[in-house]
Amino acid sequence: MVWSGTRSAVTAVAAVVAIAFVPAAGAAADPVPPDPVVTSGEPLATPTSADGSRAVDLVVVDARTVRLRVYSAAMGRVIDIDVQRPADTGAPRPTLYLLAGAGGGEDSASWAKQTSVLEFLADKNVNVVQPIGGAWTYYTDWRAPDPALGVNKWKTFLTEELPPVIDAALGTNGVNALAGLSMSGTSALQLPIAAPGLYRAVAAYSGCAQISDPVGHHFVATVVAAGHGDVVNMYGPPDDPMWAANDPYVQAERLRGLELFLSTGTGLPGKWDTLNGPHAMPGSDGLTNQLVLGGILEAGADHCTRNMRDRLTQLGIPATYDFQPRGTHSWGYWEDALKLSWPVLAKGLGLPE
């Protein structure tokens, strides 16, 4: 898909829509005009793609939030998309795609439920788009249906089907950034490689980019198995070329030109790993799991991310890194990382820091 033409067309339409909501000269106007999407309860446009993907419904959740339901032709089902609208919708605004971790945002482990990042982003002029679904799938295109996880064509959905719907329905300016954590920290580096030009900035928190070597493959297989999936249905056996083709470490040259932010802790206990703390896992064994399992996972992510740093440095590709001396694989650190990454994301989105 060629994105430059799509962006130009969407930007032109969005500009017309924005002008339509500008009061006539001399008329009294609020400093911030009402959001036409929230006010009407309808998307600004509802195009249908060539493959049949389309917006099927929009529900206003509150004065700043809508839930858009989008039919994916590639997966044959409707996907819920939560959107926090920009602080000022008086002009077309960019979009930050914010991906969930292994639970796909369908459980309590989501940005909205575990962090205050939506409050942090609330005064920014950006559409914050959170797809709901994709648990244990790595948000990629699986080569075969999985008995437990079904048909998964998330790469197609996120890079081909969803962006035109979002741009038209919300009147965006076609400028995008992408951020993900843990499982989707890998996806956040894969998707820009799959769709050159779609994103201008990428942030990956505690992800594992190097998936085709034995350590990385085991990391991915462990995550998929936690959802009762079979990783062979994703990219095939370990020696299948699909693994290297989807490995951001191997394909790192194709990340050139993006604003990049990568972060991890070390797995050692840190400031958010406290009993009954605001970011402690619930339950009697929650903190133990956070320290032990979360420590192991973060140590692995740290190893992967440092290797990715070395690879990008070798290629002369600039990036911003945040390697914390402590911290487990848990939400408090991802909230901190997103806030630290905002200047990088904002630069790509054309927004002030």
Foldseek 3Di string as FASTA:
>chain_A
DDQVVLLVVLQVVLQVVLVVQDDDPPDDDDPAGQQPCLVVVFFQDWDADPLGKTWDHWARPDSFKIWTWIQDSQQRGIWIKIKGAALHSSHAFEEEEEFFAQQQQPDCRGCVNQHCVCVVRRHGRYIYIYIRDDHLPLQDAFQAAWPQRGGGHRLCCVQPRPPSNCSRRRSHSQEYEYEYEASPLLVQLQSCLVHPPNYQATERELYFQAQLDPLNVVSSQVSNVVSVTGCCRGQHPSPGVSRLVRRCLNVVVSCARHAYEYEAEQLADDDQLDVVRSWFADDPCRSVCQNVVQSVSRNSSVVRVVSSVVSCVVVVGDYHYYYHHHDGRTDVVVNVRVVVCVVSRCVSRVHHD
